Amino acid sequence: MISRAALLLVVILLCTCDPAPQDITEVDYGGPLTITRDSISLTVDPAYGARLTSVTYGDRELLYVVRDSSGFTYGSTAWPSPQADWDWPPPATLDREPYTVQKVEEHSILLESREDSSGLVLQKRYRLGPDSDIGLTYWLTYNGPTTRSVAAWEVTRLPYTGRIVFFADSVRTVGDARRVVESQDSLRVIHFDERHTATTKVFADLDSVPVRYYTDGLILEKHTVVQDFYRVAPGHAPLEVYIDPPRGFVELELQGDYRKLSYGKTTTLRTKWRVVPDR
């Protein structure tokens, strides 16, 4: 159910094609929105980049929700890739400025950013499924005068605890020189504990999904497309993991398909999260 009793429920057209949804109706809901299905609840803040500010399973929070003074490093967001196009911080229009709430259903929310100075517009849809799963879709549309090569990039902050497990053909690290990734053939494990003390970035060439994050008796599975035709932006990898022990969080990042866009064209990233007890 939707946590604000006064919300007007409207029908959302669920687009499964590449272009972004069209013919939407803008609705001003005001304030964060929370939707719940069975054991999963998620909260979206339209006023702050349509960011996921909370994902809970029962009473257990999965996301890193501590806000620093900049407000950059909490919750789950999406950016354009490659980072070389904008360095740091991320484009404010897409990452942390207000979005318009376009459509709301009992178990889904669709939001849209304003147009960034680069000509990019980002739409986000969050949908709760019947199996403790969340479907996330990001449509990145280019409205600039020439062409632009770009991908959507999902960045999820998680507490610095537990471990992540994934299969990758190869990995490389930037930062802490000590060994971060434990490997047995293509099986890779990163523990988030006292053995790491400095920031590190891991780039992994996934050969299968899901990527699994284990914490507090739960497993967060992340699924995305990993196929031969899948193109990744220069300098990036399908899976990236940023480790920041001093500040107590991890970024679990998935890259979308890197495409050259002309005016009005869209590149799409779809991910699926599933939360299950760690039995």
Protein backbone atom coordinates (compact mmCIF):
# COMPACT_ATOMS: atom_id res chain seq x y z
CA MET A 1 0.00 0.00 0.00
CA ILE A 2 1.01 3.64 -0.36
CA SER A 3 1.86 5.28 2.95
CA ARG A 4 0.17 8.62 2.23
CA ALA A 5 -3.58 8.12 2.52
CA ALA A 6 -4.31 11.23 0.50
CA LEU A 7 -2.45 10.04 -2.59
CA LEU A 8 -4.51 9.78 -5.76
CA LEU A 9 -3.85 6.42 -7.39
CA VAL A 10 -3.45 6.61 -11.15
CA VAL A 11 -2.83 3.99 -13.79
CA ILE A 12 0.71 3.61 -15.08
CA LEU A 13 1.49 2.35 -18.55
CA LEU A 14 4.24 -0.23 -18.06
CA CYS A 15 6.51 0.14 -21.08
CA THR A 16 8.68 -2.84 -21.90
CA CYS A 17 10.15 -1.29 -25.05
CA ASP A 18 13.36 0.72 -25.33
CA PRO A 19 11.92 4.26 -25.60
CA ALA A 20 10.91 6.12 -22.47
CA PRO A 21 7.21 6.20 -21.57
CA GLN A 22 5.19 8.85 -23.38
CA ASP A 23 1.91 10.72 -22.81
CA ILE A 24 2.29 10.90 -19.06
CA THR A 25 0.34 13.07 -16.66
CA GLU A 26 2.33 15.08 -14.11
CA VAL A 27 1.04 14.91 -10.54
CA ASP A 28 2.40 16.88 -7.56
CA TYR A 29 2.43 14.50 -4.59
CA GLY A 30 4.93 16.34 -2.38
CA GLY A 31 7.25 14.61 0.06
CA PRO A 32 8.75 11.11 0.06
CA LEU A 33 6.62 8.21 -1.15
CA THR A 34 6.60 4.74 0.41
CA ILE A 35 5.15 1.64 -1.23
CA THR A 36 4.87 -1.78 0.40
CA ARG A 37 4.23 -5.29 -0.80
CA ASP A 38 4.38 -8.21 1.63
CA SER A 39 7.71 -7.92 3.50
CA ILE A 40 9.32 -5.27 1.23
CA SER A 41 8.92 -1.51 1.61
CA LEU A 42 10.74 1.15 -0.36
CA THR A 43 10.80 4.91 0.01
CA VAL A 44 11.50 7.33 -2.84
CA ASP A 45 12.27 11.03 -2.36
CA PRO A 46 11.13 12.96 -5.48
CA ALA A 47 12.59 16.17 -4.03
CA TYR A 48 16.07 14.64 -3.90
CA GLY A 49 16.78 13.08 -7.27
CA ALA A 50 14.01 10.46 -7.04
CA ARG A 51 16.51 8.63 -4.89
CA LEU A 52 15.66 5.43 -3.03
CA THR A 53 16.19 6.54 0.56
CA SER A 54 15.08 3.30 2.21
CA VAL A 55 14.53 -0.36 1.32
CA THR A 56 13.41 -2.55 4.19
CA TYR A 57 12.62 -6.23 4.58
CA GLY A 58 10.41 -6.50 7.63
CA ASP A 59 12.08 -4.15 10.09
CA ARG A 60 15.61 -4.49 8.62
CA GLU A 61 17.07 -1.67 6.52
CA LEU A 62 19.21 -2.71 3.54
CA LEU A 63 20.50 0.64 2.29
CA TYR A 64 23.09 2.96 3.78
CA VAL A 65 20.93 5.85 4.96
CA VAL A 66 23.38 8.09 6.86
CA ARG A 67 23.48 11.50 5.17
CA ASP A 68 26.72 13.46 5.15
CA SER A 69 26.85 17.25 4.85
CA SER A 70 26.99 17.08 1.03
CA GLY A 71 24.03 14.69 0.78
CA PHE A 72 25.77 12.73 -1.99
CA THR A 73 26.51 9.36 -0.46
CA TYR A 74 23.37 7.64 0.80
CA GLY A 75 20.55 5.56 -0.66
CA SER A 76 20.38 4.37 -4.26
CA THR A 77 20.57 6.63 -7.30
CA ALA A 78 21.44 6.57 -11.01
CA TRP A 79 23.90 8.57 -13.10
CA PRO A 80 25.06 8.80 -16.71
CA SER A 81 28.21 6.88 -17.62
CA PRO A 82 31.14 7.36 -18.24
CA GLN A 83 32.17 9.36 -15.20
CA ALA A 84 34.89 11.04 -17.31
CA ASP A 85 32.12 13.16 -18.88
CA TRP A 86 31.36 14.89 -15.56
CA ASP A 87 34.10 13.95 -13.03
CA TRP A 88 32.63 14.72 -9.55
CA PRO A 89 30.08 15.48 -8.19
CA PRO A 90 27.42 13.80 -10.34
CA PRO A 91 25.12 16.01 -12.45
CA ALA A 92 22.84 17.65 -9.90
CA THR A 93 19.79 17.68 -12.18
CA LEU A 94 19.84 13.89 -12.45
CA ASP A 95 21.28 12.91 -9.06
CA ARG A 96 19.80 15.18 -6.40
CA GLU A 97 17.51 17.90 -7.76
CA PRO A 98 13.70 17.47 -7.73
CA TYR A 99 11.96 15.02 -10.04
CA THR A 100 8.36 15.13 -11.19
CA VAL A 101 6.16 12.28 -9.98
CA GLN A 102 4.46 11.15 -13.18
CA LYS A 103 2.45 8.08 -12.31
CA VAL A 104 1.76 6.07 -9.17
CA GLU A 105 0.21 2.66 -8.82
CA GLU A 106 -0.28 0.55 -5.73
CA HIS A 107 3.09 -1.14 -6.24
CA SER A 108 4.99 1.19 -8.59
CA ILE A 109 6.18 4.77 -9.03
CA LEU A 110 7.37 6.56 -12.18
CA LEU A 111 9.39 9.80 -11.96
CA GLU A 112 11.21 12.10 -14.37
CA SER A 113 14.06 14.60 -14.01
CA ARG A 114 14.32 17.98 -15.64
CA GLU A 115 16.62 18.22 -18.66
CA ASP A 116 20.27 18.46 -17.69
CA SER A 117 22.57 21.04 -19.30
CA SER A 118 24.06 18.17 -21.31
CA GLY A 119 20.64 17.46 -22.86
CA LEU A 120 19.96 14.32 -20.80
CA VAL A 121 16.65 13.48 -19.12
CA LEU A 122 16.37 10.53 -16.71
CA GLN A 123 13.19 8.61 -15.94
CA LYS A 124 13.05 6.10 -13.11
CA ARG A 125 10.46 3.46 -12.39
CA TYR A 126 10.40 1.37 -9.21
CA ARG A 127 8.02 -1.59 -9.08
CA LEU A 128 7.47 -4.11 -6.29
CA GLY A 129 6.96 -7.67 -7.51
CA PRO A 130 5.20 -10.62 -5.85
CA ASP A 131 8.35 -12.49 -4.79
CA SER A 132 10.11 -9.99 -2.50
CA ASP A 133 11.57 -8.43 -5.63
CA ILE A 134 11.97 -4.89 -6.97
CA GLY A 135 12.04 -4.07 -10.67
CA LEU A 136 14.04 -0.92 -11.43
CA THR A 137 14.09 0.71 -14.86
CA TYR A 138 16.10 3.76 -15.89
CA TRP A 139 15.44 5.50 -19.23
CA LEU A 140 18.18 7.97 -20.17
CA THR A 141 17.05 10.14 -23.10
CA TYR A 142 19.20 12.61 -25.03
CA ASN A 143 17.76 15.89 -26.32
CA GLY A 144 20.99 17.54 -27.41
CA PRO A 145 21.88 19.06 -30.79
CA THR A 146 24.37 16.44 -32.02
CA THR A 147 24.99 12.89 -30.76
CA ARG A 148 26.19 11.54 -27.43
CA SER A 149 27.47 8.17 -26.27
CA VAL A 150 26.14 7.35 -22.83
CA ALA A 151 24.89 4.59 -20.53
CA ALA A 152 22.71 4.55 -17.43
CA TRP A 153 24.54 3.62 -14.23
CA GLU A 154 22.85 2.39 -11.03
CA VAL A 155 24.70 3.22 -7.79
CA THR A 156 23.44 1.65 -4.55
CA ARG A 157 24.98 2.52 -1.17
CA LEU A 158 25.00 -0.30 1.37
CA PRO A 159 26.34 -0.52 4.94
CA TYR A 160 29.97 -1.58 5.31
CA THR A 161 29.17 -4.98 6.75
CA GLY A 162 28.75 -8.54 5.51
CA ARG A 163 30.09 -9.60 2.13
CA ILE A 164 29.42 -9.60 -1.59
CA VAL A 165 29.66 -12.70 -3.79
CA PHE A 166 29.73 -12.78 -7.60
CA PHE A 167 31.17 -14.59 -10.62
CA ALA A 168 33.56 -12.65 -12.87
CA ASP A 169 36.04 -13.56 -15.57
CA SER A 170 38.47 -10.90 -14.35
CA VAL A 171 38.75 -8.16 -11.73
CA ARG A 172 41.01 -5.17 -11.19
CA THR A 173 41.32 -2.82 -8.25
CA VAL A 174 42.23 0.83 -7.78
CA GLY A 175 43.19 2.19 -4.37
CA ASP A 176 44.19 0.04 -1.40
CA ALA A 177 47.13 -2.12 -2.52
CA ARG A 178 46.24 -5.00 -0.21
CA ARG A 179 44.26 -7.91 -1.62
CA VAL A 180 40.55 -7.06 -1.49
CA VAL A 181 38.95 -9.77 -3.64
CA GLU A 182 39.16 -13.44 -2.65
CA SER A 183 39.02 -15.68 -5.73
CA GLN A 184 38.42 -19.34 -6.46
CA ASP A 185 38.32 -19.73 -10.24
CA SER A 186 35.64 -17.22 -11.33
CA LEU A 187 33.96 -17.10 -7.88
CA ARG A 188 34.80 -13.79 -6.17
CA VAL A 189 34.15 -12.70 -2.58
CA ILE A 190 34.70 -9.32 -0.92
CA HIS A 191 34.34 -9.13 2.87
CA PHE A 192 33.39 -5.80 4.40
CA ASP A 193 35.20 -5.90 7.73
CA GLU A 194 38.32 -4.75 9.56
CA ARG A 195 40.71 -6.31 7.04
CA HIS A 196 40.20 -3.25 4.81
CA THR A 197 40.91 0.27 6.04
CA ALA A 198 41.27 2.43 2.93
CA THR A 199 39.01 3.30 0.01
CA THR A 200 39.17 0.88 -2.93
CA LYS A 201 37.37 0.52 -6.27
CA VAL A 202 36.86 -2.93 -7.79
CA PHE A 203 36.02 -3.38 -11.49
CA ALA A 204 34.60 -6.79 -12.40
CA ASP A 205 33.75 -8.38 -15.76
CA LEU A 206 30.66 -10.34 -14.76
CA ASP A 207 30.08 -13.67 -16.44
CA SER A 208 26.73 -14.35 -14.75
CA VAL A 209 24.20 -12.91 -12.34
CA PRO A 210 22.99 -12.42 -9.67
CA VAL A 211 25.44 -10.47 -7.57
CA ARG A 212 24.69 -11.27 -3.93
CA TYR A 213 25.14 -9.01 -0.89
CA TYR A 214 24.91 -10.76 2.50
CA THR A 215 24.04 -8.68 5.60
CA ASP A 216 22.08 -8.96 8.85
CA GLY A 217 20.57 -12.35 8.01
CA LEU A 218 19.42 -11.22 4.56
CA ILE A 219 20.63 -11.65 0.98
CA LEU A 220 20.12 -8.87 -1.54
CA GLU A 221 20.38 -10.29 -5.06
CA LYS A 222 20.95 -7.94 -7.98
CA HIS A 223 20.21 -9.07 -11.52
CA THR A 224 20.92 -7.30 -14.80
CA VAL A 225 21.73 -8.14 -18.42
CA VAL A 226 25.10 -9.79 -19.08
CA GLN A 227 25.31 -10.74 -22.77
CA ASP A 228 27.83 -10.67 -25.63
CA PHE A 229 26.30 -7.58 -27.27
CA TYR A 230 26.33 -5.65 -24.00
CA ARG A 231 28.64 -2.62 -24.28
CA VAL A 232 30.20 -0.86 -21.28
CA ALA A 233 31.40 2.75 -21.23
CA PRO A 234 35.19 3.28 -21.54
CA GLY A 235 36.99 2.98 -18.22
CA HIS A 236 34.15 1.06 -16.58
CA ALA A 237 33.01 -2.54 -16.00
CA PRO A 238 29.60 -4.26 -15.79
CA LEU A 239 29.97 -4.47 -11.99
CA GLU A 240 31.84 -1.91 -9.90
CA VAL A 241 32.23 -2.00 -6.13
CA TYR A 242 33.46 1.07 -4.25
CA ILE A 243 34.58 0.36 -0.68
CA ASP A 244 34.80 3.19 1.85
CA PRO A 245 35.56 1.75 5.32
CA PRO A 246 36.31 5.16 6.91
CA ARG A 247 32.79 6.39 6.12
CA GLY A 248 31.13 3.02 6.64
CA PHE A 249 29.53 2.31 3.27
CA VAL A 250 29.90 0.33 0.07
CA GLU A 251 28.65 1.22 -3.41
CA LEU A 252 27.30 -1.67 -5.48
CA GLU A 253 27.18 -0.34 -9.04
CA LEU A 254 25.75 -1.81 -12.25
CA GLN A 255 26.46 -0.35 -15.69
CA GLY A 256 23.90 -0.19 -18.49
CA ASP A 257 24.36 -0.51 -22.26
CA TYR A 258 26.64 2.18 -23.71
CA ARG A 259 24.98 3.60 -26.83
CA LYS A 260 25.42 6.50 -29.23
CA LEU A 261 22.23 8.56 -29.04
CA SER A 262 20.87 11.16 -31.43
CA TYR A 263 18.12 13.62 -30.52
CA GLY A 264 15.18 11.97 -28.76
CA LYS A 265 16.80 8.53 -28.48
CA THR A 266 17.01 6.50 -25.27
CA THR A 267 19.27 3.97 -23.60
CA THR A 268 17.71 1.77 -20.92
CA LEU A 269 19.02 -0.04 -17.87
CA ARG A 270 16.80 -2.61 -16.18
CA THR A 271 17.79 -4.26 -12.93
CA LYS A 272 15.97 -6.58 -10.58
CA TRP A 273 16.59 -6.79 -6.85
CA ARG A 274 15.40 -9.73 -4.78
CA VAL A 275 15.61 -9.98 -1.00
CA VAL A 276 15.58 -13.37 0.74
CA PRO A 277 16.48 -14.56 4.24
CA ASP A 278 19.99 -16.01 4.58
CA ARG A 279 19.11 -19.49 5.84
